[in-house]
Amino acid sequence: DKKIKKEDSPSVVVSSSSGSSLTKVSEL
């Protein structure tokens, strides 16, 4: 159940200052 909830939860995407790369908050 935890795994399903984690997969269903949207991940926030943060854009860098140059705008050339996107990074997920969960990967920070």
PDB file of all heavy atoms in Angstrom:
ATOM      1  N   ASP A   1       0.835  -1.212   0.000  1.00  0.00           N
ATOM      2  CA  ASP A   1       0.000   0.000   0.000  1.00  0.00           C
ATOM      3  C   ASP A   1       0.867   1.259   0.000  1.00  0.00           C
ATOM      4  O   ASP A   1       0.571   2.235  -0.698  1.00  0.00           O
ATOM      5  CB  ASP A   1      -0.926   0.005   1.219  1.00  0.00           C
ATOM      6  CG  ASP A   1      -1.960  -1.112   1.149  1.00  0.00           C
ATOM      7  OD1 ASP A   1      -2.181  -1.616   0.021  1.00  0.00           O
ATOM      8  OD2 ASP A   1      -2.530  -1.482   2.190  1.00  0.00           O
ATOM      9  N   LYS A   2       1.957   1.261   0.778  1.00  0.00           N
ATOM     10  CA  LYS A   2       2.856   2.410   0.795  1.00  0.00           C
ATOM     11  C   LYS A   2       3.480   2.653  -0.576  1.00  0.00           C
ATOM     12  O   LYS A   2       3.618   3.789  -1.017  1.00  0.00           O
ATOM     13  CB  LYS A   2       3.976   2.192   1.827  1.00  0.00           C
ATOM     14  CG  LYS A   2       3.611   2.599   3.226  1.00  0.00           C
ATOM     15  CD  LYS A   2       4.831   2.478   4.105  1.00  0.00           C
ATOM     16  CE  LYS A   2       4.457   2.839   5.543  1.00  0.00           C
ATOM     17  NZ  LYS A   2       5.622   2.699   6.437  1.00  0.00           N
ATOM     18  N   LYS A   3       3.854   1.566  -1.230  1.00  0.00           N
ATOM     19  CA  LYS A   3       4.469   1.684  -2.544  1.00  0.00           C
ATOM     20  C   LYS A   3       3.494   2.278  -3.553  1.00  0.00           C
ATOM     21  O   LYS A   3       3.859   3.124  -4.367  1.00  0.00           O
ATOM     22  CB  LYS A   3       4.959   0.312  -2.997  1.00  0.00           C
ATOM     23  CG  LYS A   3       5.771   0.344  -4.276  1.00  0.00           C
ATOM     24  CD  LYS A   3       6.290  -1.034  -4.597  1.00  0.00           C
ATOM     25  CE  LYS A   3       7.121  -1.005  -5.880  1.00  0.00           C
ATOM     26  NZ  LYS A   3       7.610  -2.367  -6.241  1.00  0.00           N
ATOM     27  N   ILE A   4       2.231   1.829  -3.494  1.00  0.00           N
ATOM     28  CA  ILE A   4       1.223   2.351  -4.414  1.00  0.00           C
ATOM     29  C   ILE A   4       0.985   3.835  -4.154  1.00  0.00           C
ATOM     30  O   ILE A   4       0.904   4.645  -5.087  1.00  0.00           O
ATOM     31  CB  ILE A   4      -0.085   1.547  -4.281  1.00  0.00           C
ATOM     32  CG1 ILE A   4       0.133   0.115  -4.789  1.00  0.00           C
ATOM     33  CG2 ILE A   4      -1.220   2.218  -5.049  1.00  0.00           C
ATOM     34  CD1 ILE A   4      -1.053  -0.784  -4.597  1.00  0.00           C
ATOM     35  N   LYS A   5       0.872   4.233  -2.887  1.00  0.00           N
ATOM     36  CA  LYS A   5       0.653   5.640  -2.560  1.00  0.00           C
ATOM     37  C   LYS A   5       1.825   6.507  -3.018  1.00  0.00           C
ATOM     38  O   LYS A   5       1.650   7.629  -3.484  1.00  0.00           O
ATOM     39  CB  LYS A   5       0.449   5.801  -1.052  1.00  0.00           C
ATOM     40  CG  LYS A   5      -0.871   5.240  -0.559  1.00  0.00           C
ATOM     41  CD  LYS A   5      -0.989   5.426   0.934  1.00  0.00           C
ATOM     42  CE  LYS A   5      -2.318   4.844   1.454  1.00  0.00           C
ATOM     43  NZ  LYS A   5      -2.440   4.991   2.921  1.00  0.00           N
ATOM     44  N   LYS A   6       3.055   5.972  -2.873  1.00  0.00           N
ATOM     45  CA  LYS A   6       4.221   6.727  -3.290  1.00  0.00           C
ATOM     46  C   LYS A   6       4.252   6.919  -4.801  1.00  0.00           C
ATOM     47  O   LYS A   6       4.634   7.964  -5.309  1.00  0.00           O
ATOM     48  CB  LYS A   6       5.491   6.009  -2.816  1.00  0.00           C
ATOM     49  CG  LYS A   6       6.757   6.800  -3.067  1.00  0.00           C
ATOM     50  CD  LYS A   6       7.947   6.069  -2.481  1.00  0.00           C
ATOM     51  CE  LYS A   6       9.226   6.867  -2.711  1.00  0.00           C
ATOM     52  NZ  LYS A   6      10.406   6.167  -2.164  1.00  0.00           N
ATOM     53  N   GLU A   7       3.841   5.858  -5.539  1.00  0.00           N
ATOM     54  CA  GLU A   7       3.821   5.962  -6.995  1.00  0.00           C
ATOM     55  C   GLU A   7       2.730   6.910  -7.471  1.00  0.00           C
ATOM     56  O   GLU A   7       2.873   7.599  -8.479  1.00  0.00           O
ATOM     57  CB  GLU A   7       3.629   4.578  -7.616  1.00  0.00           C
ATOM     58  CG  GLU A   7       4.841   3.670  -7.432  1.00  0.00           C
ATOM     59  CD  GLU A   7       4.582   2.267  -7.949  1.00  0.00           C
ATOM     60  OE1 GLU A   7       3.412   2.001  -8.319  1.00  0.00           O
ATOM     61  OE2 GLU A   7       5.521   1.461  -7.995  1.00  0.00           O
ATOM     62  N   ASP A   8       1.597   6.947  -6.753  1.00  0.00           N
ATOM     63  CA  ASP A   8       0.481   7.797  -7.155  1.00  0.00           C
ATOM     64  C   ASP A   8       0.717   9.259  -6.813  1.00  0.00           C
ATOM     65  O   ASP A   8       0.129  10.147  -7.435  1.00  0.00           O
ATOM     66  CB  ASP A   8      -0.815   7.329  -6.488  1.00  0.00           C
ATOM     67  CG  ASP A   8      -1.231   5.962  -7.036  1.00  0.00           C
ATOM     68  OD1 ASP A   8      -0.725   5.583  -8.118  1.00  0.00           O
ATOM     69  OD2 ASP A   8      -2.041   5.276  -6.369  1.00  0.00           O
ATOM     70  N   SER A   9       1.566   9.559  -5.808  1.00  0.00           N
ATOM     71  CA  SER A   9       1.759  10.946  -5.386  1.00  0.00           C
ATOM     72  C   SER A   9       2.557  11.691  -6.438  1.00  0.00           C
ATOM     73  O   SER A   9       3.574  11.198  -6.933  1.00  0.00           O
ATOM     74  CB  SER A   9       2.501  10.993  -4.059  1.00  0.00           C
ATOM     75  OG  SER A   9       3.764  10.400  -4.204  1.00  0.00           O
ATOM     76  N   PRO A  10       2.120  12.913  -6.853  1.00  0.00           N
ATOM     77  CA  PRO A  10       2.852  13.674  -7.877  1.00  0.00           C
ATOM     78  C   PRO A  10       4.162  14.192  -7.323  1.00  0.00           C
ATOM     79  O   PRO A  10       4.268  14.547  -6.163  1.00  0.00           O
ATOM     80  CB  PRO A  10       1.896  14.822  -8.208  1.00  0.00           C
ATOM     81  CG  PRO A  10       1.082  14.995  -6.973  1.00  0.00           C
ATOM     82  CD  PRO A  10       0.934  13.630  -6.372  1.00  0.00           C
ATOM     83  N   SER A  11       5.148  14.216  -8.190  1.00  0.00           N
ATOM     84  CA  SER A  11       6.464  14.710  -7.792  1.00  0.00           C
ATOM     85  C   SER A  11       6.620  16.131  -8.286  1.00  0.00           C
ATOM     86  O   SER A  11       6.294  16.452  -9.435  1.00  0.00           O
ATOM     87  CB  SER A  11       7.572  13.837  -8.380  1.00  0.00           C
ATOM     88  OG  SER A  11       7.470  13.793  -9.776  1.00  0.00           O
ATOM     89  N   VAL A  12       7.097  17.031  -7.456  1.00  0.00           N
ATOM     90  CA  VAL A  12       7.287  18.432  -7.793  1.00  0.00           C
ATOM     91  C   VAL A  12       8.581  18.573  -8.570  1.00  0.00           C
ATOM     92  O   VAL A  12       9.622  18.037  -8.179  1.00  0.00           O
ATOM     93  CB  VAL A  12       7.329  19.298  -6.518  1.00  0.00           C
ATOM     94  CG1 VAL A  12       7.513  20.769  -6.891  1.00  0.00           C
ATOM     95  CG2 VAL A  12       6.056  19.080  -5.724  1.00  0.00           C
ATOM     96  N   VAL A  13       8.513  19.293  -9.700  1.00  0.00           N
ATOM     97  CA  VAL A  13       9.679  19.474 -10.569  1.00  0.00           C
ATOM     98  C   VAL A  13      10.204  20.873 -10.383  1.00  0.00           C
ATOM     99  O   VAL A  13       9.451  21.845 -10.425  1.00  0.00           O
ATOM    100  CB  VAL A  13       9.312  19.214 -12.040  1.00  0.00           C
ATOM    101  CG1 VAL A  13      10.529  19.449 -12.932  1.00  0.00           C
ATOM    102  CG2 VAL A  13       8.750  17.824 -12.199  1.00  0.00           C
ATOM    103  N   VAL A  14      11.500  20.997 -10.134  1.00  0.00           N
ATOM    104  CA  VAL A  14      12.135  22.286  -9.929  1.00  0.00           C
ATOM    105  C   VAL A  14      13.028  22.565 -11.119  1.00  0.00           C
ATOM    106  O   VAL A  14      13.868  21.727 -11.493  1.00  0.00           O
ATOM    107  CB  VAL A  14      12.949  22.305  -8.627  1.00  0.00           C
ATOM    108  CG1 VAL A  14      13.618  23.663  -8.443  1.00  0.00           C
ATOM    109  CG2 VAL A  14      12.053  21.973  -7.461  1.00  0.00           C
ATOM    110  N   SER A  15      12.879  23.728 -11.717  1.00  0.00           N
ATOM    111  CA  SER A  15      13.681  24.102 -12.867  1.00  0.00           C
ATOM    112  C   SER A  15      14.907  24.859 -12.406  1.00  0.00           C
ATOM    113  O   SER A  15      14.843  25.651 -11.471  1.00  0.00           O
ATOM    114  CB  SER A  15      12.851  24.972 -13.816  1.00  0.00           C
ATOM    115  OG  SER A  15      13.648  25.412 -14.899  1.00  0.00           O
ATOM    116  N   SER A  16      16.048  24.601 -13.064  1.00  0.00           N
ATOM    117  CA  SER A  16      17.279  25.302 -12.726  1.00  0.00           C
ATOM    118  C   SER A  16      17.245  26.702 -13.291  1.00  0.00           C
ATOM    119  O   SER A  16      16.376  27.054 -14.090  1.00  0.00           O
ATOM    120  CB  SER A  16      18.485  24.529 -13.249  1.00  0.00           C
ATOM    121  OG  SER A  16      18.431  24.468 -14.651  1.00  0.00           O
ATOM    122  N   SER A  17      18.211  27.518 -12.917  1.00  0.00           N
ATOM    123  CA  SER A  17      18.242  28.917 -13.353  1.00  0.00           C
ATOM    124  C   SER A  17      18.416  29.027 -14.858  1.00  0.00           C
ATOM    125  O   SER A  17      17.858  29.910 -15.501  1.00  0.00           O
ATOM    126  CB  SER A  17      19.363  29.658 -12.623  1.00  0.00           C
ATOM    127  OG  SER A  17      20.598  29.048 -12.912  1.00  0.00           O
ATOM    128  N   SER A  18      19.164  28.116 -15.468  1.00  0.00           N
ATOM    129  CA  SER A  18      19.377  28.171 -16.914  1.00  0.00           C
ATOM    130  C   SER A  18      18.200  27.622 -17.684  1.00  0.00           C
ATOM    131  O   SER A  18      18.054  27.857 -18.863  1.00  0.00           O
ATOM    132  CB  SER A  18      20.652  27.407 -17.273  1.00  0.00           C
ATOM    133  OG  SER A  18      20.504  26.052 -16.928  1.00  0.00           O
ATOM    134  N   GLY A  19      17.371  26.826 -17.030  1.00  0.00           N
ATOM    135  CA  GLY A  19      16.207  26.244 -17.685  1.00  0.00           C
ATOM    136  C   GLY A  19      16.539  25.065 -18.566  1.00  0.00           C
ATOM    137  O   GLY A  19      15.674  24.549 -19.271  1.00  0.00           O
ATOM    138  N   SER A  20      17.794  24.595 -18.531  1.00  0.00           N
ATOM    139  CA  SER A  20      18.200  23.511 -19.420  1.00  0.00           C
ATOM    140  C   SER A  20      17.986  22.141 -18.817  1.00  0.00           C
ATOM    141  O   SER A  20      17.970  21.155 -19.526  1.00  0.00           O
ATOM    142  CB  SER A  20      19.671  23.671 -19.802  1.00  0.00           C
ATOM    143  OG  SER A  20      20.463  23.644 -18.636  1.00  0.00           O
ATOM    144  N   SER A  21      17.836  22.019 -17.485  1.00  0.00           N
ATOM    145  CA  SER A  21      17.662  20.713 -16.836  1.00  0.00           C
ATOM    146  C   SER A  21      16.555  20.798 -15.816  1.00  0.00           C
ATOM    147  O   SER A  21      16.332  21.854 -15.229  1.00  0.00           O
ATOM    148  CB  SER A  21      18.968  20.263 -16.169  1.00  0.00           C
ATOM    149  OG  SER A  21      19.321  21.170 -15.168  1.00  0.00           O
ATOM    150  N   LEU A  22      15.847  19.689 -15.578  1.00  0.00           N
ATOM    151  CA  LEU A  22      14.759  19.581 -14.618  1.00  0.00           C
ATOM    152  C   LEU A  22      15.132  18.559 -13.575  1.00  0.00           C
ATOM    153  O   LEU A  22      15.661  17.496 -13.905  1.00  0.00           O
ATOM    154  CB  LEU A  22      13.457  19.181 -15.323  1.00  0.00           C
ATOM    155  CG  LEU A  22      12.953  20.175 -16.385  1.00  0.00           C
ATOM    156  CD1 LEU A  22      11.705  19.617 -17.057  1.00  0.00           C
ATOM    157  CD2 LEU A  22      12.654  21.523 -15.775  1.00  0.00           C
ATOM    158  N   THR A  23      14.847  18.848 -12.336  1.00  0.00           N
ATOM    159  CA  THR A  23      15.210  17.958 -11.236  1.00  0.00           C
ATOM    160  C   THR A  23      13.991  17.725 -10.368  1.00  0.00           C
ATOM    161  O   THR A  23      13.283  18.664 -10.015  1.00  0.00           O
ATOM    162  CB  THR A  23      16.328  18.557 -10.367  1.00  0.00           C
ATOM    163  OG1 THR A  23      17.407  18.913 -11.208  1.00  0.00           O
ATOM    164  CG2 THR A  23      16.789  17.566  -9.321  1.00  0.00           C
ATOM    165  N   LYS A  24      13.736  16.473  -9.999  1.00  0.00           N
ATOM    166  CA  LYS A  24      12.641  16.142  -9.094  1.00  0.00           C
ATOM    167  C   LYS A  24      13.050  16.425  -7.670  1.00  0.00           C
ATOM    168  O   LYS A  24      14.187  16.186  -7.279  1.00  0.00           O
ATOM    169  CB  LYS A  24      12.253  14.666  -9.234  1.00  0.00           C
ATOM    170  CG  LYS A  24      11.587  14.347 -10.561  1.00  0.00           C
ATOM    171  CD  LYS A  24      11.158  12.903 -10.592  1.00  0.00           C
ATOM    172  CE  LYS A  24      10.450  12.553 -11.895  1.00  0.00           C
ATOM    173  NZ  LYS A  24      10.022  11.136 -11.915  1.00  0.00           N
ATOM    174  N   VAL A  25      12.062  16.915  -6.890  1.00  0.00           N
ATOM    175  CA  VAL A  25      12.344  17.212  -5.484  1.00  0.00           C
ATOM    176  C   VAL A  25      12.693  15.945  -4.727  1.00  0.00           C
ATOM    177  O   VAL A  25      13.517  15.930  -3.819  1.00  0.00           O
ATOM    178  CB  VAL A  25      11.126  17.927  -4.860  1.00  0.00           C
ATOM    179  CG1 VAL A  25      11.322  18.083  -3.357  1.00  0.00           C
ATOM    180  CG2 VAL A  25      10.937  19.289  -5.491  1.00  0.00           C
ATOM    181  N   SER A  26      12.062  14.845  -5.106  1.00  0.00           N
ATOM    182  CA  SER A  26      12.324  13.573  -4.407  1.00  0.00           C
ATOM    183  C   SER A  26      13.753  13.100  -4.611  1.00  0.00           C
ATOM    184  O   SER A  26      14.252  12.288  -3.842  1.00  0.00           O
ATOM    185  CB  SER A  26      11.356  12.496  -4.894  1.00  0.00           C
ATOM    186  OG  SER A  26      11.503  12.325  -6.294  1.00  0.00           O
ATOM    187  N   GLU A  27      14.419  13.614  -5.729  1.00  0.00           N
ATOM    188  CA  GLU A  27      15.786  13.193  -5.988  1.00  0.00           C
ATOM    189  C   GLU A  27      16.808  14.088  -5.309  1.00  0.00           C
ATOM    190  O   GLU A  27      17.997  13.831  -5.347  1.00  0.00           O
ATOM    191  CB  GLU A  27      16.050  13.184  -7.497  1.00  0.00           C
ATOM    192  CG  GLU A  27      15.247  12.114  -8.237  1.00  0.00           C
ATOM    193  CD  GLU A  27      15.514  12.145  -9.725  1.00  0.00           C
ATOM    194  OE1 GLU A  27      16.270  13.038 -10.162  1.00  0.00           O
ATOM    195  OE2 GLU A  27      14.980  11.283 -10.428  1.00  0.00           O
ATOM    196  N   LEU A  28      16.352  15.237  -4.729  1.00  0.00           N
ATOM    197  CA  LEU A  28      17.276  16.129  -4.055  1.00  0.00           C
ATOM    198  C   LEU A  28      17.812  15.481  -2.792  1.00  0.00           C
ATOM    199  O   LEU A  28      17.058  14.856  -2.049  1.00  0.00           O
ATOM    200  CB  LEU A  28      16.572  17.439  -3.703  1.00  0.00           C
ATOM    201  CG  LEU A  28      16.166  18.308  -4.906  1.00  0.00           C
ATOM    202  CD1 LEU A  28      15.381  19.507  -4.404  1.00  0.00           C
ATOM    203  CD2 LEU A  28      17.377  18.752  -5.701  1.00  0.00           C
TER     204      LEU A  28
END
